Amino acid sequence: MDAQQFRLKSKKLSSGRYQVQFSFGQPEMYYGYVLAEPRTPLREVMEKIERHVLAAIEPERYLQRNLFSVLKRAPSSGKIVVYKR
């Protein structure tokens, strides 16, 4: 996927981690948040977002932890939440 499709904003949390808000796609079809450690390279954060967005495109492969899915399947973890507009 093209890096130009990513839009990122970060905010440092009191824990020292960074909350990264992202949007992805044309025109910004997916958005969400990911937690990143202080010295995580930007490339790793972008790859993680890309993996999760690609998986979210196929809902049979991807399940986020939410109130309605707690007991259905093992959820995807990784401190990331992805939404579709």
PDB file of N, CA and C in Angstrom:
ATOM      1  N   MET A   1       0.830  -1.178   0.000  1.00  0.00           N
ATOM      2  CA  MET A   1       0.000   0.000   0.000  1.00  0.00           C
ATOM      3  C   MET A   1       0.870   1.235   0.000  1.00  0.00           C
ATOM      4  N   ASP A   2       0.350   2.268  -0.558  1.00  0.00           N
ATOM      5  CA  ASP A   2       1.088   3.505  -0.736  1.00  0.00           C
ATOM      6  C   ASP A   2       1.171   4.286   0.574  1.00  0.00           C
ATOM      7  N   ALA A   3       2.380   4.723   0.936  1.00  0.00           N
ATOM      8  CA  ALA A   3       2.570   5.485   2.173  1.00  0.00           C
ATOM      9  C   ALA A   3       1.841   6.818   2.131  1.00  0.00           C
ATOM     10  N   GLN A   4       1.522   7.324   0.939  1.00  0.00           N
ATOM     11  CA  GLN A   4       0.817   8.597   0.827  1.00  0.00           C
ATOM     12  C   GLN A   4      -0.625   8.472   1.308  1.00  0.00           C
ATOM     13  N   GLN A   5      -1.140   7.273   1.466  1.00  0.00           N
ATOM     14  CA  GLN A   5      -2.493   7.081   1.933  1.00  0.00           C
ATOM     15  C   GLN A   5      -2.601   7.222   3.450  1.00  0.00           C
ATOM     16  N   PHE A   6      -1.500   7.209   4.153  1.00  0.00           N
ATOM     17  CA  PHE A   6      -1.507   7.316   5.607  1.00  0.00           C
ATOM     18  C   PHE A   6      -1.576   8.770   6.041  1.00  0.00           C
ATOM     19  N   ARG A   7      -2.342   9.029   7.092  1.00  0.00           N
ATOM     20  CA  ARG A   7      -2.301  10.300   7.796  1.00  0.00           C
ATOM     21  C   ARG A   7      -2.129   9.948   9.264  1.00  0.00           C
ATOM     22  N   LEU A   8      -1.129  10.511   9.881  1.00  0.00           N
ATOM     23  CA  LEU A   8      -0.825  10.184  11.273  1.00  0.00           C
ATOM     24  C   LEU A   8      -0.751  11.443  12.123  1.00  0.00           C
ATOM     25  N   LYS A   9      -1.240  11.334  13.354  1.00  0.00           N
ATOM     26  CA  LYS A   9      -1.068  12.372  14.370  1.00  0.00           C
ATOM     27  C   LYS A   9      -0.737  11.642  15.655  1.00  0.00           C
ATOM     28  N   SER A  10       0.195  12.171  16.430  1.00  0.00           N
ATOM     29  CA  SER A  10       0.535  11.483  17.679  1.00  0.00           C
ATOM     30  C   SER A  10       0.415  12.430  18.866  1.00  0.00           C
ATOM     31  N   LYS A  11       0.214  11.811  20.019  1.00  0.00           N
ATOM     32  CA  LYS A  11       0.076  12.548  21.267  1.00  0.00           C
ATOM     33  C   LYS A  11       0.797  11.740  22.341  1.00  0.00           C
ATOM     34  N   LYS A  12       1.678  12.388  23.082  1.00  0.00           N
ATOM     35  CA  LYS A  12       2.398  11.695  24.151  1.00  0.00           C
ATOM     36  C   LYS A  12       1.491  11.584  25.370  1.00  0.00           C
ATOM     37  N   LEU A  13       1.386  10.367  25.898  1.00  0.00           N
ATOM     38  CA  LEU A  13       0.559  10.103  27.071  1.00  0.00           C
ATOM     39  C   LEU A  13       1.392  10.189  28.335  1.00  0.00           C
ATOM     40  N   SER A  14       0.744  10.312  29.466  1.00  0.00           N
ATOM     41  CA  SER A  14       1.465  10.414  30.740  1.00  0.00           C
ATOM     42  C   SER A  14       2.280   9.153  31.042  1.00  0.00           C
ATOM     43  N   SER A  15       1.913   8.024  30.424  1.00  0.00           N
ATOM     44  CA  SER A  15       2.653   6.775  30.615  1.00  0.00           C
ATOM     45  C   SER A  15       3.982   6.774  29.862  1.00  0.00           C
ATOM     46  N   GLY A  16       4.175   7.747  28.966  1.00  0.00           N
ATOM     47  CA  GLY A  16       5.382   7.791  28.146  1.00  0.00           C
ATOM     48  C   GLY A  16       5.162   7.210  26.764  1.00  0.00           C
ATOM     49  N   ARG A  17       4.099   6.447  26.582  1.00  0.00           N
ATOM     50  CA  ARG A  17       3.759   5.906  25.267  1.00  0.00           C
ATOM     51  C   ARG A  17       3.143   7.007  24.409  1.00  0.00           C
ATOM     52  N   TYR A  18       2.979   6.683  23.136  1.00  0.00           N
ATOM     53  CA  TYR A  18       2.346   7.610  22.212  1.00  0.00           C
ATOM     54  C   TYR A  18       1.042   7.012  21.700  1.00  0.00           C
ATOM     55  N   GLN A  19       0.018   7.837  21.677  1.00  0.00           N
ATOM     56  CA  GLN A  19      -1.243   7.452  21.049  1.00  0.00           C
ATOM     57  C   GLN A  19      -1.178   8.015  19.641  1.00  0.00           C
ATOM     58  N   VAL A  20      -1.244   7.133  18.660  1.00  0.00           N
ATOM     59  CA  VAL A  20      -1.162   7.546  17.270  1.00  0.00           C
ATOM     60  C   VAL A  20      -2.549   7.421  16.659  1.00  0.00           C
ATOM     61  N   GLN A  21      -3.067   8.549  16.198  1.00  0.00           N
ATOM     62  CA  GLN A  21      -4.347   8.554  15.486  1.00  0.00           C
ATOM     63  C   GLN A  21      -4.006   8.449  14.006  1.00  0.00           C
ATOM     64  N   PHE A  22      -4.696   7.560  13.291  1.00  0.00           N
ATOM     65  CA  PHE A  22      -4.390   7.385  11.883  1.00  0.00           C
ATOM     66  C   PHE A  22      -5.654   7.360  11.046  1.00  0.00           C
ATOM     67  N   SER A  23      -5.480   7.707   9.783  1.00  0.00           N
ATOM     68  CA  SER A  23      -6.514   7.474   8.780  1.00  0.00           C
ATOM     69  C   SER A  23      -5.791   6.883   7.586  1.00  0.00           C
ATOM     70  N   PHE A  24      -6.509   6.069   6.831  1.00  0.00           N
ATOM     71  CA  PHE A  24      -5.860   5.263   5.802  1.00  0.00           C
ATOM     72  C   PHE A  24      -6.857   5.008   4.682  1.00  0.00           C
ATOM     73  N   GLY A  25      -6.404   5.103   3.465  1.00  0.00           N
ATOM     74  CA  GLY A  25      -7.242   4.764   2.322  1.00  0.00           C
ATOM     75  C   GLY A  25      -7.620   5.981   1.503  1.00  0.00           C
ATOM     76  N   GLN A  26      -8.362   5.723   0.464  1.00  0.00           N
ATOM     77  CA  GLN A  26      -8.805   6.770  -0.449  1.00  0.00           C
ATOM     78  C   GLN A  26     -10.306   6.826  -0.466  1.00  0.00           C
ATOM     79  N   PRO A  27     -10.991   7.810  -0.093  1.00  0.00           N
ATOM     80  CA  PRO A  27     -10.544   8.945   0.734  1.00  0.00           C
ATOM     81  C   PRO A  27     -10.727   8.621   2.208  1.00  0.00           C
ATOM     82  N   GLU A  28      -9.672   8.230   2.856  1.00  0.00           N
ATOM     83  CA  GLU A  28      -9.637   7.949   4.288  1.00  0.00           C
ATOM     84  C   GLU A  28     -10.769   7.020   4.728  1.00  0.00           C
ATOM     85  N   MET A  29     -10.795   5.825   4.166  1.00  0.00           N
ATOM     86  CA  MET A  29     -11.857   4.866   4.448  1.00  0.00           C
ATOM     87  C   MET A  29     -11.746   4.246   5.836  1.00  0.00           C
ATOM     88  N   TYR A  30     -10.551   4.142   6.370  1.00  0.00           N
ATOM     89  CA  TYR A  30     -10.339   3.544   7.683  1.00  0.00           C
ATOM     90  C   TYR A  30      -9.651   4.555   8.584  1.00  0.00           C
ATOM     91  N   TYR A  31      -9.961   4.476   9.856  1.00  0.00           N
ATOM     92  CA  TYR A  31      -9.286   5.327  10.833  1.00  0.00           C
ATOM     93  C   TYR A  31      -9.216   4.574  12.156  1.00  0.00           C
ATOM     94  N   GLY A  32      -8.395   5.071  13.056  1.00  0.00           N
ATOM     95  CA  GLY A  32      -8.293   4.412  14.345  1.00  0.00           C
ATOM     96  C   GLY A  32      -7.148   4.955  15.164  1.00  0.00           C
ATOM     97  N   TYR A  33      -6.799   4.162  16.171  1.00  0.00           N
ATOM     98  CA  TYR A  33      -5.769   4.554  17.123  1.00  0.00           C
ATOM     99  C   TYR A  33      -4.878   3.354  17.417  1.00  0.00           C
ATOM    100  N   VAL A  34      -3.613   3.634  17.655  1.00  0.00           N
ATOM    101  CA  VAL A  34      -2.662   2.594  18.034  1.00  0.00           C
ATOM    102  C   VAL A  34      -1.744   3.172  19.110  1.00  0.00           C
ATOM    103  N   LEU A  35      -1.354   2.329  20.063  1.00  0.00           N
ATOM    104  CA  LEU A  35      -0.387   2.738  21.075  1.00  0.00           C
ATOM    105  C   LEU A  35       1.005   2.335  20.603  1.00  0.00           C
ATOM    106  N   ALA A  36       1.953   3.240  20.762  1.00  0.00           N
ATOM    107  CA  ALA A  36       3.325   2.962  20.348  1.00  0.00           C
ATOM    108  C   ALA A  36       4.271   3.292  21.495  1.00  0.00           C
ATOM    109  N   GLU A  37       5.293   2.493  21.616  1.00  0.00           N
ATOM    110  CA  GLU A  37       6.340   2.746  22.613  1.00  0.00           C
ATOM    111  C   GLU A  37       7.180   3.931  22.150  1.00  0.00           C
ATOM    112  N   PRO A  38       7.860   4.616  23.077  1.00  0.00           N
ATOM    113  CA  PRO A  38       8.585   5.841  22.731  1.00  0.00           C
ATOM    114  C   PRO A  38       9.614   5.713  21.602  1.00  0.00           C
ATOM    115  N   ARG A  39      10.310   4.607  21.507  1.00  0.00           N
ATOM    116  CA  ARG A  39      11.377   4.513  20.490  1.00  0.00           C
ATOM    117  C   ARG A  39      11.008   3.601  19.331  1.00  0.00           C
ATOM    118  N   THR A  40       9.723   3.380  19.111  1.00  0.00           N
ATOM    119  CA  THR A  40       9.279   2.542  17.994  1.00  0.00           C
ATOM    120  C   THR A  40       9.466   3.318  16.694  1.00  0.00           C
ATOM    121  N   PRO A  41      10.164   2.747  15.716  1.00  0.00           N
ATOM    122  CA  PRO A  41      10.337   3.436  14.438  1.00  0.00           C
ATOM    123  C   PRO A  41       8.991   3.662  13.734  1.00  0.00           C
ATOM    124  N   LEU A  42       8.885   4.775  13.050  1.00  0.00           N
ATOM    125  CA  LEU A  42       7.666   5.124  12.323  1.00  0.00           C
ATOM    126  C   LEU A  42       7.280   4.022  11.343  1.00  0.00           C
ATOM    127  N   ARG A  43       8.251   3.416  10.685  1.00  0.00           N
ATOM    128  CA  ARG A  43       7.987   2.352   9.715  1.00  0.00           C
ATOM    129  C   ARG A  43       7.238   1.187  10.387  1.00  0.00           C
ATOM    130  N   GLU A  44       7.637   0.817  11.612  1.00  0.00           N
ATOM    131  CA  GLU A  44       6.963  -0.276  12.328  1.00  0.00           C
ATOM    132  C   GLU A  44       5.517   0.074  12.647  1.00  0.00           C
ATOM    133  N   VAL A  45       5.283   1.314  13.054  1.00  0.00           N
ATOM    134  CA  VAL A  45       3.919   1.751  13.359  1.00  0.00           C
ATOM    135  C   VAL A  45       3.065   1.682  12.089  1.00  0.00           C
ATOM    136  N   MET A  46       3.598   2.164  10.978  1.00  0.00           N
ATOM    137  CA  MET A  46       2.864   2.141   9.716  1.00  0.00           C
ATOM    138  C   MET A  46       2.599   0.711   9.248  1.00  0.00           C
ATOM    139  N   GLU A  47       3.565  -0.185   9.410  1.00  0.00           N
ATOM    140  CA  GLU A  47       3.372  -1.590   9.020  1.00  0.00           C
ATOM    141  C   GLU A  47       2.295  -2.253   9.867  1.00  0.00           C
ATOM    142  N   LYS A  48       2.270  -1.946  11.151  1.00  0.00           N
ATOM    143  CA  LYS A  48       1.252  -2.512  12.034  1.00  0.00           C
ATOM    144  C   LYS A  48      -0.139  -2.034  11.621  1.00  0.00           C
ATOM    145  N   ILE A  49      -0.261  -0.748  11.339  1.00  0.00           N
ATOM    146  CA  ILE A  49      -1.544  -0.198  10.886  1.00  0.00           C
ATOM    147  C   ILE A  49      -1.960  -0.874   9.592  1.00  0.00           C
ATOM    148  N   GLU A  50      -1.030  -0.989   8.661  1.00  0.00           N
ATOM    149  CA  GLU A  50      -1.337  -1.606   7.368  1.00  0.00           C
ATOM    150  C   GLU A  50      -1.811  -3.047   7.533  1.00  0.00           C
ATOM    151  N   ARG A  51      -1.124  -3.822   8.374  1.00  0.00           N
ATOM    152  CA  ARG A  51      -1.531  -5.217   8.619  1.00  0.00           C
ATOM    153  C   ARG A  51      -2.954  -5.302   9.144  1.00  0.00           C
ATOM    154  N   HIS A  52      -3.271  -4.464  10.100  1.00  0.00           N
ATOM    155  CA  HIS A  52      -4.597  -4.502  10.712  1.00  0.00           C
ATOM    156  C   HIS A  52      -5.681  -4.012   9.756  1.00  0.00           C
ATOM    157  N   VAL A  53      -5.380  -2.986   8.980  1.00  0.00           N
ATOM    158  CA  VAL A  53      -6.376  -2.492   8.013  1.00  0.00           C
ATOM    159  C   VAL A  53      -6.615  -3.538   6.939  1.00  0.00           C
ATOM    160  N   LEU A  54      -5.567  -4.160   6.426  1.00  0.00           N
ATOM    161  CA  LEU A  54      -5.740  -5.209   5.407  1.00  0.00           C
ATOM    162  C   LEU A  54      -6.550  -6.372   5.973  1.00  0.00           C
ATOM    163  N   ALA A  55      -6.309  -6.722   7.231  1.00  0.00           N
ATOM    164  CA  ALA A  55      -7.080  -7.799   7.845  1.00  0.00           C
ATOM    165  C   ALA A  55      -8.535  -7.377   8.061  1.00  0.00           C
ATOM    166  N   ALA A  56      -8.767  -6.122   8.398  1.00  0.00           N
ATOM    167  CA  ALA A  56     -10.128  -5.633   8.644  1.00  0.00           C
ATOM    168  C   ALA A  56     -10.961  -5.622   7.365  1.00  0.00           C
ATOM    169  N   ILE A  57     -10.318  -5.554   6.219  1.00  0.00           N
ATOM    170  CA  ILE A  57     -11.032  -5.585   4.943  1.00  0.00           C
ATOM    171  C   ILE A  57     -11.751  -6.919   4.778  1.00  0.00           C
ATOM    172  N   GLU A  58     -11.165  -7.983   5.340  1.00  0.00           N
ATOM    173  CA  GLU A  58     -11.770  -9.310   5.305  1.00  0.00           C
ATOM    174  C   GLU A  58     -12.270  -9.650   6.704  1.00  0.00           C
ATOM    175  N   PRO A  59     -13.516  -9.308   7.024  1.00  0.00           N
ATOM    176  CA  PRO A  59     -13.997  -9.452   8.395  1.00  0.00           C
ATOM    177  C   PRO A  59     -13.983 -10.884   8.933  1.00  0.00           C
ATOM    178  N   GLU A  60     -13.941 -11.875   8.075  1.00  0.00           N
ATOM    179  CA  GLU A  60     -13.864 -13.259   8.558  1.00  0.00           C
ATOM    180  C   GLU A  60     -12.515 -13.543   9.214  1.00  0.00           C
ATOM    181  N   ARG A  61     -11.501 -12.799   8.813  1.00  0.00           N
ATOM    182  CA  ARG A  61     -10.156 -13.000   9.358  1.00  0.00           C
ATOM    183  C   ARG A  61      -9.862 -12.114  10.550  1.00  0.00           C
ATOM    184  N   TYR A  62     -10.647 -11.092  10.759  1.00  0.00           N
ATOM    185  CA  TYR A  62     -10.279 -10.067  11.729  1.00  0.00           C
ATOM    186  C   TYR A  62     -11.417  -9.816  12.701  1.00  0.00           C
ATOM    187  N   LEU A  63     -11.105  -9.840  13.968  1.00  0.00           N
ATOM    188  CA  LEU A  63     -12.099  -9.563  14.991  1.00  0.00           C
ATOM    189  C   LEU A  63     -11.475  -8.655  16.031  1.00  0.00           C
ATOM    190  N   GLN A  64     -12.077  -7.503  16.221  1.00  0.00           N
ATOM    191  CA  GLN A  64     -11.594  -6.590  17.243  1.00  0.00           C
ATOM    192  C   GLN A  64     -12.293  -6.887  18.553  1.00  0.00           C
ATOM    193  N   ARG A  65     -11.618  -6.618  19.622  1.00  0.00           N
ATOM    194  CA  ARG A  65     -12.210  -6.775  20.940  1.00  0.00           C
ATOM    195  C   ARG A  65     -13.252  -5.676  21.127  1.00  0.00           C
ATOM    196  N   ASN A  66     -14.476  -6.077  21.343  1.00  0.00           N
ATOM    197  CA  ASN A  66     -15.534  -5.140  21.677  1.00  0.00           C
ATOM    198  C   ASN A  66     -16.580  -5.875  22.495  1.00  0.00           C
ATOM    199  N   LEU A  67     -17.543  -5.178  22.982  1.00  0.00           N
ATOM    200  CA  LEU A  67     -18.522  -5.755  23.881  1.00  0.00           C
ATOM    201  C   LEU A  67     -19.299  -6.904  23.254  1.00  0.00           C
ATOM    202  N   PHE A  68     -19.514  -6.877  21.953  1.00  0.00           N
ATOM    203  CA  PHE A  68     -20.327  -7.881  21.287  1.00  0.00           C
ATOM    204  C   PHE A  68     -19.541  -9.108  20.824  1.00  0.00           C
ATOM    205  N   SER A  69     -18.225  -9.088  20.936  1.00  0.00           N
ATOM    206  CA  SER A  69     -17.429 -10.193  20.407  1.00  0.00           C
ATOM    207  C   SER A  69     -16.551 -10.868  21.458  1.00  0.00           C
ATOM    208  N   VAL A  70     -16.737 -10.560  22.704  1.00  0.00           N
ATOM    209  CA  VAL A  70     -15.844 -11.054  23.750  1.00  0.00           C
ATOM    210  C   VAL A  70     -15.741 -12.577  23.755  1.00  0.00           C
ATOM    211  N   LEU A  71     -16.831 -13.292  23.616  1.00  0.00           N
ATOM    212  CA  LEU A  71     -16.801 -14.747  23.717  1.00  0.00           C
ATOM    213  C   LEU A  71     -16.832 -15.468  22.375  1.00  0.00           C
ATOM    214  N   LYS A  72     -16.860 -14.762  21.262  1.00  0.00           N
ATOM    215  CA  LYS A  72     -17.022 -15.413  19.960  1.00  0.00           C
ATOM    216  C   LYS A  72     -15.746 -16.077  19.452  1.00  0.00           C
ATOM    217  N   ARG A  73     -14.654 -15.329  19.398  1.00  0.00           N
ATOM    218  CA  ARG A  73     -13.380 -15.853  18.901  1.00  0.00           C
ATOM    219  C   ARG A  73     -12.248 -15.163  19.634  1.00  0.00           C
ATOM    220  N   ALA A  74     -11.056 -15.673  19.435  1.00  0.00           N
ATOM    221  CA  ALA A  74      -9.897 -14.999  20.012  1.00  0.00           C
ATOM    222  C   ALA A  74      -9.710 -13.675  19.278  1.00  0.00           C
ATOM    223  N   PRO A  75      -9.733 -12.566  19.979  1.00  0.00           N
ATOM    224  CA  PRO A  75      -9.638 -11.271  19.312  1.00  0.00           C
ATOM    225  C   PRO A  75      -8.230 -10.953  18.850  1.00  0.00           C
ATOM    226  N   SER A  76      -8.127 -10.088  17.837  1.00  0.00           N
ATOM    227  CA  SER A  76      -6.839  -9.553  17.433  1.00  0.00           C
ATOM    228  C   SER A  76      -6.416  -8.572  18.506  1.00  0.00           C
ATOM    229  N   SER A  77      -5.224  -8.717  18.994  1.00  0.00           N
ATOM    230  CA  SER A  77      -4.746  -7.771  19.987  1.00  0.00           C
ATOM    231  C   SER A  77      -3.640  -6.948  19.359  1.00  0.00           C
ATOM    232  N   GLY A  78      -2.989  -6.150  20.134  1.00  0.00           N
ATOM    233  CA  GLY A  78      -1.903  -5.358  19.606  1.00  0.00           C
ATOM    234  C   GLY A  78      -2.099  -3.890  19.866  1.00  0.00           C
ATOM    235  N   LYS A  79      -3.017  -3.563  20.787  1.00  0.00           N
ATOM    236  CA  LYS A  79      -3.210  -2.174  21.196  1.00  0.00           C
ATOM    237  C   LYS A  79      -3.559  -1.296  19.999  1.00  0.00           C
ATOM    238  N   ILE A  80      -4.464  -1.763  19.178  1.00  0.00           N
ATOM    239  CA  ILE A  80      -4.888  -1.015  18.007  1.00  0.00           C
ATOM    240  C   ILE A  80      -6.392  -1.194  17.825  1.00  0.00           C
ATOM    241  N   VAL A  81      -7.042  -0.116  17.391  1.00  0.00           N
ATOM    242  CA  VAL A  81      -8.463  -0.145  17.102  1.00  0.00           C
ATOM    243  C   VAL A  81      -8.644   0.444  15.711  1.00  0.00           C
ATOM    244  N   VAL A  82      -9.379  -0.267  14.836  1.00  0.00           N
ATOM    245  CA  VAL A  82      -9.586   0.172  13.461  1.00  0.00           C
ATOM    246  C   VAL A  82     -11.081   0.304  13.218  1.00  0.00           C
ATOM    247  N   TYR A  83     -11.476   1.414  12.611  1.00  0.00           N
ATOM    248  CA  TYR A  83     -12.873   1.668  12.242  1.00  0.00           C
ATOM    249  C   TYR A  83     -12.965   1.925  10.752  1.00  0.00           C
ATOM    250  N   LYS A  84     -14.111   1.606  10.180  1.00  0.00           N
ATOM    251  CA  LYS A  84     -14.343   1.904   8.768  1.00  0.00           C
ATOM    252  C   LYS A  84     -15.348   3.049   8.689  1.00  0.00           C
ATOM    253  N   ARG A  85     -15.083   4.030   7.846  1.00  0.00           N
ATOM    254  CA  ARG A  85     -16.007   5.169   7.679  1.00  0.00           C
ATOM    255  C   ARG A  85     -17.149   4.746   6.813  1.00  0.00           C
TER     256      ARG A  85
END
